[in-house]
């Protein structure tokens, strides 16, 4: 019987170390040497959707020896944060309100870009024929919100502005994607929500804003987060991705039509008619991704304190240690 020579223990350990390192950084293509950057699929609209279709995002990442991998679909930030913590996702977008709640745990991610709050597309919706005309009319009523995120923040912010105790209004915690039927059936009296959901309701059901984010002084920035391990290993990829977001966001404001209905103009993912007009108008009023500066951090601290004061989180979360500057190559 032929004996197979034993492999040196050191060689085996070395091979395993290489494999584990590749797995920990999102994986690498052995043939090309490109690192894989995992991001939620953008769907049919937005800067990443167009970048996916026309190849511009792939080209921007190729320049820093990286390639994109679309995993799942864009959605609430809380599950995306859990995936980054588990090493299953490398970057995701969400609201600072959701990020504050996630940072209160043991985060495995850092924030690297911010987009100014949406003053017009988020707020508290009521039905077309609702007798509710002011925030004070919400006393004794039920309002649908997502727990510990944008919607809960918007409702509490509106109540605080009117000096209404939070317990005078019933918060009904629902997944935003499942709220429209509940709202339209009258099982809740109002819905605190953002543009992805407010625009379809306004366009198709005639809903109206009781108040908008701008009217209540919302500081609900949109933020981009990156897995901490990935940022340490590949700061040049984070820098290139940030620059793409910034540049494409500027172009979207100037010509939003190119960034809507990117893959299909029909079907459930497409928007048309009034919804399309509202979507384009909201995009023109929007902002692009920027590095997180001192003013942003002060506003993040204000949101964190507000959530703690409102008992949404057990204590204020210090966001500053969880921020990096993408333009400084991962600093």
C-alpha atoms as a PDB file:
ATOM      1  CA  UNK A   1       0.000   0.000   0.000  1.00  0.00           C
ATOM      2  CA  UNK A   2       1.332   3.371  -0.986  1.00  0.00           C
ATOM      3  CA  UNK A   3       1.619   5.776   1.891  1.00  0.00           C
ATOM      4  CA  UNK A   4       0.515   9.366   1.334  1.00  0.00           C
ATOM      5  CA  UNK A   5       3.049  11.730   2.854  1.00  0.00           C
ATOM      6  CA  UNK A   6       1.646  13.762   5.733  1.00  0.00           C
ATOM      7  CA  UNK A   7       1.120  17.444   4.948  1.00  0.00           C
ATOM      8  CA  UNK A   8       3.174  19.779   7.122  1.00  0.00           C
ATOM      9  CA  UNK A   9       0.983  21.173   9.892  1.00  0.00           C
ATOM     10  CA  UNK A  10       2.244  24.698   9.236  1.00  0.00           C
ATOM     11  CA  UNK A  11       1.186  24.478   5.576  1.00  0.00           C
ATOM     12  CA  UNK A  12      -2.326  23.376   6.480  1.00  0.00           C
ATOM     13  CA  UNK A  13      -2.637  26.188   9.010  1.00  0.00           C
ATOM     14  CA  UNK A  14      -1.436  28.658   6.415  1.00  0.00           C
ATOM     15  CA  UNK A  15      -3.981  27.509   3.845  1.00  0.00           C
ATOM     16  CA  UNK A  16      -6.777  27.706   6.403  1.00  0.00           C
ATOM     17  CA  UNK A  17      -5.703  31.209   7.418  1.00  0.00           C
ATOM     18  CA  UNK A  18      -5.866  32.387   3.802  1.00  0.00           C
ATOM     19  CA  UNK A  19      -9.330  30.866   3.331  1.00  0.00           C
ATOM     20  CA  UNK A  20     -10.647  32.393   6.542  1.00  0.00           C
ATOM     21  CA  UNK A  21      -9.238  35.790   5.651  1.00  0.00           C
ATOM     22  CA  UNK A  22     -10.964  35.663   2.287  1.00  0.00           C
ATOM     23  CA  UNK A  23     -14.270  34.707   3.915  1.00  0.00           C
ATOM     24  CA  UNK A  24     -13.944  37.484   6.477  1.00  0.00           C
ATOM     25  CA  UNK A  25     -13.508  40.232   3.877  1.00  0.00           C
ATOM     26  CA  UNK A  26     -16.544  39.351   1.807  1.00  0.00           C
ATOM     27  CA  UNK A  27     -14.635  36.846  -0.335  1.00  0.00           C
ATOM     28  CA  UNK A  28     -12.211  37.314  -3.213  1.00  0.00           C
ATOM     29  CA  UNK A  29     -12.213  36.091  -6.784  1.00  0.00           C
ATOM     30  CA  UNK A  30      -9.216  33.752  -7.002  1.00  0.00           C
ATOM     31  CA  UNK A  31      -8.861  34.322 -10.747  1.00  0.00           C
ATOM     32  CA  UNK A  32      -9.059  38.111 -10.811  1.00  0.00           C
ATOM     33  CA  UNK A  33      -7.918  38.939  -7.294  1.00  0.00           C
ATOM     34  CA  UNK A  34     -10.893  41.289  -6.929  1.00  0.00           C
ATOM     35  CA  UNK A  35     -12.467  41.567  -3.490  1.00  0.00           C
ATOM     36  CA  UNK A  36     -16.228  41.025  -3.366  1.00  0.00           C
ATOM     37  CA  UNK A  37     -18.283  43.887  -1.913  1.00  0.00           C
ATOM     38  CA  UNK A  38     -21.738  42.738  -0.786  1.00  0.00           C
ATOM     39  CA  UNK A  39     -24.585  45.266  -0.917  1.00  0.00           C
ATOM     40  CA  UNK A  40     -28.411  44.844  -0.912  1.00  0.00           C
ATOM     41  CA  UNK A  41     -29.949  44.834  -4.383  1.00  0.00           C
ATOM     42  CA  UNK A  42     -31.301  48.336  -5.172  1.00  0.00           C
ATOM     43  CA  UNK A  43     -34.407  47.299  -7.071  1.00  0.00           C
ATOM     44  CA  UNK A  44     -35.788  49.485  -9.863  1.00  0.00           C
ATOM     45  CA  UNK A  45     -34.805  53.002  -8.793  1.00  0.00           C
ATOM     46  CA  UNK A  46     -31.940  55.048  -7.393  1.00  0.00           C
ATOM     47  CA  UNK A  47     -28.246  55.620  -7.973  1.00  0.00           C
ATOM     48  CA  UNK A  48     -27.256  51.998  -7.394  1.00  0.00           C
ATOM     49  CA  UNK A  49     -29.969  50.715  -9.728  1.00  0.00           C
ATOM     50  CA  UNK A  50     -28.644  52.817 -12.597  1.00  0.00           C
ATOM     51  CA  UNK A  51     -25.062  51.939 -11.666  1.00  0.00           C
ATOM     52  CA  UNK A  52     -25.999  48.272 -11.794  1.00  0.00           C
ATOM     53  CA  UNK A  53     -27.646  48.604 -15.188  1.00  0.00           C
ATOM     54  CA  UNK A  54     -25.103  50.743 -17.033  1.00  0.00           C
ATOM     55  CA  UNK A  55     -22.014  49.183 -15.465  1.00  0.00           C
ATOM     56  CA  UNK A  56     -20.718  52.456 -14.015  1.00  0.00           C
ATOM     57  CA  UNK A  57     -20.623  51.102 -10.465  1.00  0.00           C
ATOM     58  CA  UNK A  58     -18.784  47.975 -11.563  1.00  0.00           C
ATOM     59  CA  UNK A  59     -16.239  50.158 -13.367  1.00  0.00           C
ATOM     60  CA  UNK A  60     -15.719  52.379 -10.302  1.00  0.00           C
ATOM     61  CA  UNK A  61     -15.075  49.345  -8.107  1.00  0.00           C
ATOM     62  CA  UNK A  62     -12.945  47.579 -10.710  1.00  0.00           C
ATOM     63  CA  UNK A  63     -10.526  50.511 -10.498  1.00  0.00           C
ATOM     64  CA  UNK A  64      -9.806  49.496  -6.886  1.00  0.00           C
ATOM     65  CA  UNK A  65      -9.821  45.750  -7.610  1.00  0.00           C
ATOM     66  CA  UNK A  66     -13.297  45.095  -6.256  1.00  0.00           C
ATOM     67  CA  UNK A  67     -16.559  43.787  -7.617  1.00  0.00           C
ATOM     68  CA  UNK A  68     -20.134  44.163  -6.433  1.00  0.00           C
ATOM     69  CA  UNK A  69     -22.295  41.278  -5.230  1.00  0.00           C
ATOM     70  CA  UNK A  70     -26.007  42.008  -4.793  1.00  0.00           C
ATOM     71  CA  UNK A  71     -27.411  40.167  -1.780  1.00  0.00           C
ATOM     72  CA  UNK A  72     -31.116  40.112  -1.006  1.00  0.00           C
ATOM     73  CA  UNK A  73     -32.954  43.390  -1.420  1.00  0.00           C
ATOM     74  CA  UNK A  74     -32.934  46.848   0.163  1.00  0.00           C
ATOM     75  CA  UNK A  75     -35.193  47.178   3.173  1.00  0.00           C
ATOM     76  CA  UNK A  76     -35.245  48.163   6.865  1.00  0.00           C
ATOM     77  CA  UNK A  77     -31.829  48.882   8.363  1.00  0.00           C
ATOM     78  CA  UNK A  78     -32.232  46.725  11.484  1.00  0.00           C
ATOM     79  CA  UNK A  79     -31.903  43.366   9.687  1.00  0.00           C
ATOM     80  CA  UNK A  80     -29.127  44.771   7.479  1.00  0.00           C
ATOM     81  CA  UNK A  81     -27.219  45.797  10.624  1.00  0.00           C
ATOM     82  CA  UNK A  82     -27.592  42.263  11.960  1.00  0.00           C
ATOM     83  CA  UNK A  83     -26.219  40.875   8.690  1.00  0.00           C
ATOM     84  CA  UNK A  84     -23.195  43.200   8.865  1.00  0.00           C
ATOM     85  CA  UNK A  85     -22.644  42.191  12.485  1.00  0.00           C
ATOM     86  CA  UNK A  86     -22.698  38.552  11.379  1.00  0.00           C
ATOM     87  CA  UNK A  87     -20.282  39.182   8.498  1.00  0.00           C
ATOM     88  CA  UNK A  88     -22.927  38.383   5.875  1.00  0.00           C
ATOM     89  CA  UNK A  89     -23.179  41.881   4.336  1.00  0.00           C
ATOM     90  CA  UNK A  90     -20.601  44.594   3.719  1.00  0.00           C
ATOM     91  CA  UNK A  91     -22.622  47.819   3.373  1.00  0.00           C
ATOM     92  CA  UNK A  92     -26.184  49.085   3.680  1.00  0.00           C
ATOM     93  CA  UNK A  93     -28.219  52.275   3.818  1.00  0.00           C
ATOM     94  CA  UNK A  94     -30.675  53.264   6.533  1.00  0.00           C
ATOM     95  CA  UNK A  95     -31.850  56.136   8.701  1.00  0.00           C
ATOM     96  CA  UNK A  96     -29.849  57.597  11.575  1.00  0.00           C
ATOM     97  CA  UNK A  97     -32.812  56.787  13.815  1.00  0.00           C
ATOM     98  CA  UNK A  98     -32.528  53.071  13.010  1.00  0.00           C
ATOM     99  CA  UNK A  99     -28.742  53.291  13.164  1.00  0.00           C
ATOM    100  CA  UNK A 100     -28.850  54.774  16.664  1.00  0.00           C
ATOM    101  CA  UNK A 101     -30.923  51.832  17.875  1.00  0.00           C
ATOM    102  CA  UNK A 102     -28.525  49.359  16.208  1.00  0.00           C
ATOM    103  CA  UNK A 103     -25.426  51.127  17.547  1.00  0.00           C
ATOM    104  CA  UNK A 104     -26.799  50.703  21.048  1.00  0.00           C
ATOM    105  CA  UNK A 105     -26.080  46.974  20.737  1.00  0.00           C
ATOM    106  CA  UNK A 106     -22.610  45.646  19.835  1.00  0.00           C
ATOM    107  CA  UNK A 107     -22.226  47.004  16.318  1.00  0.00           C
ATOM    108  CA  UNK A 108     -19.948  45.453  13.739  1.00  0.00           C
ATOM    109  CA  UNK A 109     -20.277  48.411  11.395  1.00  0.00           C
ATOM    110  CA  UNK A 110     -19.347  52.070  11.036  1.00  0.00           C
ATOM    111  CA  UNK A 111     -21.152  54.981   9.380  1.00  0.00           C
ATOM    112  CA  UNK A 112     -19.283  56.588   6.496  1.00  0.00           C
ATOM    113  CA  UNK A 113     -21.725  58.919   4.713  1.00  0.00           C
ATOM    114  CA  UNK A 114     -24.840  60.956   5.415  1.00  0.00           C
ATOM    115  CA  UNK A 115     -27.639  62.384   3.277  1.00  0.00           C
ATOM    116  CA  UNK A 116     -29.556  65.379   4.617  1.00  0.00           C
ATOM    117  CA  UNK A 117     -33.045  64.696   6.030  1.00  0.00           C
ATOM    118  CA  UNK A 118     -35.987  64.420   3.634  1.00  0.00           C
ATOM    119  CA  UNK A 119     -38.068  67.488   4.467  1.00  0.00           C
ATOM    120  CA  UNK A 120     -40.919  66.701   2.087  1.00  0.00           C
ATOM    121  CA  UNK A 121     -41.352  62.952   1.551  1.00  0.00           C
ATOM    122  CA  UNK A 122     -41.610  61.743   5.144  1.00  0.00           C
ATOM    123  CA  UNK A 123     -44.078  62.649   7.838  1.00  0.00           C
ATOM    124  CA  UNK A 124     -47.419  61.546   9.280  1.00  0.00           C
ATOM    125  CA  UNK A 125     -50.110  60.503   6.824  1.00  0.00           C
ATOM    126  CA  UNK A 126     -53.867  60.535   7.333  1.00  0.00           C
ATOM    127  CA  UNK A 127     -56.567  59.340   4.967  1.00  0.00           C
ATOM    128  CA  UNK A 128     -58.163  61.598   2.390  1.00  0.00           C
ATOM    129  CA  UNK A 129     -61.428  61.893   4.337  1.00  0.00           C
ATOM    130  CA  UNK A 130     -59.921  61.791   7.816  1.00  0.00           C
ATOM    131  CA  UNK A 131     -61.315  64.328  10.306  1.00  0.00           C
ATOM    132  CA  UNK A 132     -57.802  64.618  11.794  1.00  0.00           C
ATOM    133  CA  UNK A 133     -56.497  68.083  10.914  1.00  0.00           C
ATOM    134  CA  UNK A 134     -53.813  68.804  13.509  1.00  0.00           C
ATOM    135  CA  UNK A 135     -51.302  66.836  15.547  1.00  0.00           C
ATOM    136  CA  UNK A 136     -53.463  67.490  18.612  1.00  0.00           C
ATOM    137  CA  UNK A 137     -56.237  65.521  16.923  1.00  0.00           C
ATOM    138  CA  UNK A 138     -54.067  62.411  17.265  1.00  0.00           C
ATOM    139  CA  UNK A 139     -54.728  62.273  21.030  1.00  0.00           C
ATOM    140  CA  UNK A 140     -56.573  59.046  21.763  1.00  0.00           C
ATOM    141  CA  UNK A 141     -55.894  57.734  18.250  1.00  0.00           C
ATOM    142  CA  UNK A 142     -53.782  54.886  16.828  1.00  0.00           C
ATOM    143  CA  UNK A 143     -50.729  55.618  14.680  1.00  0.00           C
ATOM    144  CA  UNK A 144     -48.789  52.968  12.740  1.00  0.00           C
ATOM    145  CA  UNK A 145     -45.015  53.148  13.180  1.00  0.00           C
ATOM    146  CA  UNK A 146     -41.968  50.935  12.754  1.00  0.00           C
ATOM    147  CA  UNK A 147     -40.359  50.350  16.126  1.00  0.00           C
ATOM    148  CA  UNK A 148     -37.161  52.248  16.927  1.00  0.00           C
ATOM    149  CA  UNK A 149     -36.824  53.822  13.496  1.00  0.00           C
ATOM    150  CA  UNK A 150     -37.934  56.668  11.258  1.00  0.00           C
ATOM    151  CA  UNK A 151     -41.665  56.374  11.870  1.00  0.00           C
ATOM    152  CA  UNK A 152     -41.515  56.206  15.647  1.00  0.00           C
ATOM    153  CA  UNK A 153     -39.112  59.160  15.612  1.00  0.00           C
ATOM    154  CA  UNK A 154     -41.414  61.260  13.383  1.00  0.00           C
ATOM    155  CA  UNK A 155     -44.452  60.621  15.569  1.00  0.00           C
ATOM    156  CA  UNK A 156     -42.636  61.360  18.828  1.00  0.00           C
ATOM    157  CA  UNK A 157     -41.043  64.459  17.318  1.00  0.00           C
ATOM    158  CA  UNK A 158     -44.447  65.790  16.226  1.00  0.00           C
ATOM    159  CA  UNK A 159     -45.950  65.121  19.655  1.00  0.00           C
ATOM    160  CA  UNK A 160     -43.032  66.805  21.415  1.00  0.00           C
ATOM    161  CA  UNK A 161     -43.418  69.894  19.240  1.00  0.00           C
ATOM    162  CA  UNK A 162     -47.024  70.197  20.415  1.00  0.00           C
ATOM    163  CA  UNK A 163     -46.096  69.307  24.013  1.00  0.00           C
ATOM    164  CA  UNK A 164     -48.343  66.251  23.903  1.00  0.00           C
ATOM    165  CA  UNK A 165     -47.281  63.374  26.207  1.00  0.00           C
ATOM    166  CA  UNK A 166     -46.326  60.357  24.114  1.00  0.00           C
ATOM    167  CA  UNK A 167     -48.654  58.041  26.013  1.00  0.00           C
ATOM    168  CA  UNK A 168     -51.680  60.054  24.849  1.00  0.00           C
ATOM    169  CA  UNK A 169     -51.316  58.433  21.412  1.00  0.00           C
ATOM    170  CA  UNK A 170     -51.241  54.664  20.802  1.00  0.00           C
ATOM    171  CA  UNK A 171     -48.296  53.458  18.761  1.00  0.00           C
ATOM    172  CA  UNK A 172     -49.128  50.415  16.642  1.00  0.00           C
ATOM    173  CA  UNK A 173     -45.879  48.692  15.685  1.00  0.00           C
ATOM    174  CA  UNK A 174     -46.031  47.332  12.141  1.00  0.00           C
ATOM    175  CA  UNK A 175     -43.662  46.405   9.332  1.00  0.00           C
ATOM    176  CA  UNK A 176     -43.924  49.315   6.832  1.00  0.00           C
ATOM    177  CA  UNK A 177     -44.301  46.933   3.889  1.00  0.00           C
ATOM    178  CA  UNK A 178     -47.411  45.458   5.529  1.00  0.00           C
ATOM    179  CA  UNK A 179     -48.998  48.673   6.813  1.00  0.00           C
ATOM    180  CA  UNK A 180     -50.880  50.027   3.794  1.00  0.00           C
ATOM    181  CA  UNK A 181     -53.853  47.596   4.071  1.00  0.00           C
ATOM    182  CA  UNK A 182     -54.160  48.320   7.800  1.00  0.00           C
ATOM    183  CA  UNK A 183     -54.032  52.071   7.189  1.00  0.00           C
ATOM    184  CA  UNK A 184     -56.514  52.014   4.311  1.00  0.00           C
ATOM    185  CA  UNK A 185     -58.961  49.813   6.235  1.00  0.00           C
ATOM    186  CA  UNK A 186     -59.106  52.371   9.051  1.00  0.00           C
ATOM    187  CA  UNK A 187     -57.664  50.033  11.678  1.00  0.00           C
ATOM    188  CA  UNK A 188     -55.149  52.786  12.447  1.00  0.00           C
ATOM    189  CA  UNK A 189     -55.909  56.505  12.269  1.00  0.00           C
ATOM    190  CA  UNK A 190     -52.568  57.680  10.905  1.00  0.00           C
ATOM    191  CA  UNK A 191     -49.277  56.370   9.569  1.00  0.00           C
ATOM    192  CA  UNK A 192     -45.834  57.835  10.268  1.00  0.00           C
ATOM    193  CA  UNK A 193     -43.744  56.951   7.246  1.00  0.00           C
ATOM    194  CA  UNK A 194     -41.155  57.942   4.640  1.00  0.00           C
ATOM    195  CA  UNK A 195     -41.210  58.583   0.873  1.00  0.00           C
ATOM    196  CA  UNK A 196     -41.046  54.950  -0.273  1.00  0.00           C
ATOM    197  CA  UNK A 197     -44.498  54.454   1.222  1.00  0.00           C
ATOM    198  CA  UNK A 198     -45.970  57.957   1.481  1.00  0.00           C
ATOM    199  CA  UNK A 199     -45.777  58.663  -2.250  1.00  0.00           C
ATOM    200  CA  UNK A 200     -47.828  55.601  -3.319  1.00  0.00           C
ATOM    201  CA  UNK A 201     -50.453  56.351  -0.651  1.00  0.00           C
ATOM    202  CA  UNK A 202     -50.765  59.986  -1.697  1.00  0.00           C
ATOM    203  CA  UNK A 203     -50.877  59.071  -5.380  1.00  0.00           C
ATOM    204  CA  UNK A 204     -53.292  56.145  -5.289  1.00  0.00           C
ATOM    205  CA  UNK A 205     -55.405  56.613  -2.169  1.00  0.00           C
ATOM    206  CA  UNK A 206     -55.441  60.401  -1.811  1.00  0.00           C
ATOM    207  CA  UNK A 207     -53.751  60.342   1.589  1.00  0.00           C
ATOM    208  CA  UNK A 208     -52.338  63.632   2.854  1.00  0.00           C
ATOM    209  CA  UNK A 209     -49.613  64.710   5.213  1.00  0.00           C
ATOM    210  CA  UNK A 210     -50.723  65.896   8.604  1.00  0.00           C
ATOM    211  CA  UNK A 211     -47.172  67.193   9.071  1.00  0.00           C
ATOM    212  CA  UNK A 212     -43.957  66.615   7.134  1.00  0.00           C
ATOM    213  CA  UNK A 213     -40.479  65.995   8.451  1.00  0.00           C
ATOM    214  CA  UNK A 214     -39.528  69.548   7.577  1.00  0.00           C
ATOM    215  CA  UNK A 215     -42.432  70.993   9.571  1.00  0.00           C
ATOM    216  CA  UNK A 216     -41.417  69.179  12.750  1.00  0.00           C
ATOM    217  CA  UNK A 217     -37.683  69.862  12.460  1.00  0.00           C
ATOM    218  CA  UNK A 218     -36.718  66.270  11.706  1.00  0.00           C
ATOM    219  CA  UNK A 219     -33.015  65.428  11.933  1.00  0.00           C
ATOM    220  CA  UNK A 220     -33.555  62.009  10.405  1.00  0.00           C
ATOM    221  CA  UNK A 221     -30.570  61.741   8.088  1.00  0.00           C
ATOM    222  CA  UNK A 222     -30.132  58.838   5.728  1.00  0.00           C
ATOM    223  CA  UNK A 223     -26.798  57.148   6.432  1.00  0.00           C
ATOM    224  CA  UNK A 224     -24.547  54.582   4.788  1.00  0.00           C
ATOM    225  CA  UNK A 225     -22.836  51.964   6.935  1.00  0.00           C
ATOM    226  CA  UNK A 226     -19.981  49.583   6.190  1.00  0.00           C
ATOM    227  CA  UNK A 227     -18.894  46.454   8.022  1.00  0.00           C
ATOM    228  CA  UNK A 228     -16.023  47.390  10.318  1.00  0.00           C
ATOM    229  CA  UNK A 229     -13.825  44.497   9.246  1.00  0.00           C
ATOM    230  CA  UNK A 230     -14.302  45.295   5.575  1.00  0.00           C
ATOM    231  CA  UNK A 231     -13.453  48.983   6.102  1.00  0.00           C
ATOM    232  CA  UNK A 232     -10.216  48.032   7.879  1.00  0.00           C
ATOM    233  CA  UNK A 233      -9.195  45.548   5.196  1.00  0.00           C
ATOM    234  CA  UNK A 234     -10.284  47.539   2.139  1.00  0.00           C
ATOM    235  CA  UNK A 235     -10.458  51.300   2.812  1.00  0.00           C
ATOM    236  CA  UNK A 236      -9.837  52.017  -0.866  1.00  0.00           C
ATOM    237  CA  UNK A 237     -13.066  50.192  -1.778  1.00  0.00           C
ATOM    238  CA  UNK A 238     -15.063  52.211   0.769  1.00  0.00           C
ATOM    239  CA  UNK A 239     -13.545  55.397  -0.639  1.00  0.00           C
ATOM    240  CA  UNK A 240     -14.425  54.467  -4.231  1.00  0.00           C
ATOM    241  CA  UNK A 241     -17.956  53.424  -3.268  1.00  0.00           C
ATOM    242  CA  UNK A 242     -18.511  56.652  -1.342  1.00  0.00           C
ATOM    243  CA  UNK A 243     -17.284  58.742  -4.265  1.00  0.00           C
ATOM    244  CA  UNK A 244     -19.666  56.890  -6.571  1.00  0.00           C
ATOM    245  CA  UNK A 245     -22.606  57.554  -4.229  1.00  0.00           C
ATOM    246  CA  UNK A 246     -21.709  61.242  -3.963  1.00  0.00           C
ATOM    247  CA  UNK A 247     -21.251  61.824  -7.691  1.00  0.00           C
ATOM    248  CA  UNK A 248     -24.258  59.776  -8.775  1.00  0.00           C
ATOM    249  CA  UNK A 249     -26.433  61.452  -6.140  1.00  0.00           C
ATOM    250  CA  UNK A 250     -25.541  64.866  -7.553  1.00  0.00           C
ATOM    251  CA  UNK A 251     -26.495  63.697 -11.047  1.00  0.00           C
ATOM    252  CA  UNK A 252     -29.769  62.261  -9.734  1.00  0.00           C
ATOM    253  CA  UNK A 253     -30.815  65.632  -8.329  1.00  0.00           C
ATOM    254  CA  UNK A 254     -30.092  67.256 -11.677  1.00  0.00           C
ATOM    255  CA  UNK A 255     -31.806  64.570 -13.785  1.00  0.00           C
ATOM    256  CA  UNK A 256     -33.964  62.319 -11.597  1.00  0.00           C
ATOM    257  CA  UNK A 257     -35.828  60.785 -14.544  1.00  0.00           C
ATOM    258  CA  UNK A 258     -32.804  58.643 -15.414  1.00  0.00           C
ATOM    259  CA  UNK A 259     -32.863  57.080 -11.943  1.00  0.00           C
ATOM    260  CA  UNK A 260     -36.527  55.990 -11.859  1.00  0.00           C
ATOM    261  CA  UNK A 261     -37.922  52.843 -13.520  1.00  0.00           C
ATOM    262  CA  UNK A 262     -34.363  51.827 -14.358  1.00  0.00           C
ATOM    263  CA  UNK A 263     -35.043  48.193 -15.273  1.00  0.00           C
ATOM    264  CA  UNK A 264     -38.771  48.188 -15.973  1.00  0.00           C
ATOM    265  CA  UNK A 265     -41.460  50.786 -16.583  1.00  0.00           C
ATOM    266  CA  UNK A 266     -44.326  48.389 -15.854  1.00  0.00           C
ATOM    267  CA  UNK A 267     -45.348  46.063 -13.072  1.00  0.00           C
ATOM    268  CA  UNK A 268     -45.314  46.377  -9.263  1.00  0.00           C
ATOM    269  CA  UNK A 269     -41.779  47.788  -9.098  1.00  0.00           C
ATOM    270  CA  UNK A 270     -42.488  50.618 -11.540  1.00  0.00           C
ATOM    271  CA  UNK A 271     -44.025  54.007 -10.786  1.00  0.00           C
ATOM    272  CA  UNK A 272     -46.200  56.040 -13.128  1.00  0.00           C
ATOM    273  CA  UNK A 273     -48.698  58.904 -13.228  1.00  0.00           C
ATOM    274  CA  UNK A 274     -48.998  60.950 -10.044  1.00  0.00           C
ATOM    275  CA  UNK A 275     -46.591  58.672  -8.158  1.00  0.00           C
ATOM    276  CA  UNK A 276     -43.929  59.237 -10.806  1.00  0.00           C
ATOM    277  CA  UNK A 277     -44.395  63.010 -10.702  1.00  0.00           C
ATOM    278  CA  UNK A 278     -44.141  63.029  -6.891  1.00  0.00           C
ATOM    279  CA  UNK A 279     -41.086  60.771  -6.963  1.00  0.00           C
ATOM    280  CA  UNK A 280     -39.269  63.041  -9.416  1.00  0.00           C
ATOM    281  CA  UNK A 281     -40.193  66.171  -7.465  1.00  0.00           C
ATOM    282  CA  UNK A 282     -38.955  64.661  -4.218  1.00  0.00           C
ATOM    283  CA  UNK A 283     -35.671  63.624  -5.860  1.00  0.00           C
ATOM    284  CA  UNK A 284     -35.073  67.155  -7.171  1.00  0.00           C
ATOM    285  CA  UNK A 285     -35.442  68.477  -3.624  1.00  0.00           C
ATOM    286  CA  UNK A 286     -33.108  65.859  -2.222  1.00  0.00           C
ATOM    287  CA  UNK A 287     -29.430  65.797  -1.289  1.00  0.00           C
ATOM    288  CA  UNK A 288     -26.444  63.626  -2.056  1.00  0.00           C
ATOM    289  CA  UNK A 289     -24.127  61.586   0.139  1.00  0.00           C
ATOM    290  CA  UNK A 290     -21.494  63.560   2.043  1.00  0.00           C
ATOM    291  CA  UNK A 291     -18.811  62.684   4.600  1.00  0.00           C
ATOM    292  CA  UNK A 292     -20.114  62.945   8.157  1.00  0.00           C
ATOM    293  CA  UNK A 293     -18.982  66.263   9.626  1.00  0.00           C
ATOM    294  CA  UNK A 294     -19.195  68.048  12.973  1.00  0.00           C
ATOM    295  CA  UNK A 295     -22.685  69.464  12.308  1.00  0.00           C
ATOM    296  CA  UNK A 296     -23.970  66.040  11.322  1.00  0.00           C
ATOM    297  CA  UNK A 297     -22.505  64.484  14.469  1.00  0.00           C
ATOM    298  CA  UNK A 298     -24.162  67.139  16.612  1.00  0.00           C
ATOM    299  CA  UNK A 299     -27.500  66.356  14.977  1.00  0.00           C
ATOM    300  CA  UNK A 300     -26.925  62.615  15.403  1.00  0.00           C
ATOM    301  CA  UNK A 301     -26.268  63.250  19.103  1.00  0.00           C
ATOM    302  CA  UNK A 302     -29.530  65.179  19.289  1.00  0.00           C
ATOM    303  CA  UNK A 303     -31.420  62.240  17.775  1.00  0.00           C
ATOM    304  CA  UNK A 304     -29.717  59.819  20.180  1.00  0.00           C
ATOM    305  CA  UNK A 305     -30.604  61.982  23.188  1.00  0.00           C
ATOM    306  CA  UNK A 306     -34.182  62.344  21.959  1.00  0.00           C
ATOM    307  CA  UNK A 307     -34.607  58.582  21.643  1.00  0.00           C
ATOM    308  CA  UNK A 308     -33.210  58.083  25.140  1.00  0.00           C
ATOM    309  CA  UNK A 309     -35.461  60.814  26.571  1.00  0.00           C
ATOM    310  CA  UNK A 310     -38.444  59.135  24.903  1.00  0.00           C
ATOM    311  CA  UNK A 311     -37.428  55.721  26.325  1.00  0.00           C
ATOM    312  CA  UNK A 312     -36.969  54.247  22.844  1.00  0.00           C
ATOM    313  CA  UNK A 313     -33.385  53.390  23.841  1.00  0.00           C
ATOM    314  CA  UNK A 314     -32.197  52.798  27.408  1.00  0.00           C
ATOM    315  CA  UNK A 315     -29.494  55.486  27.226  1.00  0.00           C
ATOM    316  CA  UNK A 316     -28.062  58.015  24.748  1.00  0.00           C
ATOM    317  CA  UNK A 317     -25.839  56.366  22.155  1.00  0.00           C
ATOM    318  CA  UNK A 318     -22.533  58.059  21.309  1.00  0.00           C
ATOM    319  CA  UNK A 319     -22.428  57.863  17.522  1.00  0.00           C
ATOM    320  CA  UNK A 320     -19.047  59.577  17.036  1.00  0.00           C
ATOM    321  CA  UNK A 321     -16.838  56.514  17.766  1.00  0.00           C
ATOM    322  CA  UNK A 322     -18.734  54.618  15.060  1.00  0.00           C
ATOM    323  CA  UNK A 323     -17.992  57.043  12.213  1.00  0.00           C
ATOM    324  CA  UNK A 324     -15.193  56.997   9.653  1.00  0.00           C
ATOM    325  CA  UNK A 325     -14.198  59.429   6.908  1.00  0.00           C
ATOM    326  CA  UNK A 326     -14.310  57.642   3.536  1.00  0.00           C
ATOM    327  CA  UNK A 327     -12.246  60.343   1.863  1.00  0.00           C
ATOM    328  CA  UNK A 328      -9.416  59.699   4.314  1.00  0.00           C
ATOM    329  CA  UNK A 329      -8.957  56.114   3.140  1.00  0.00           C
ATOM    330  CA  UNK A 330     -10.656  54.541   6.117  1.00  0.00           C
ATOM    331  CA  UNK A 331      -9.562  56.874   8.885  1.00  0.00           C
END
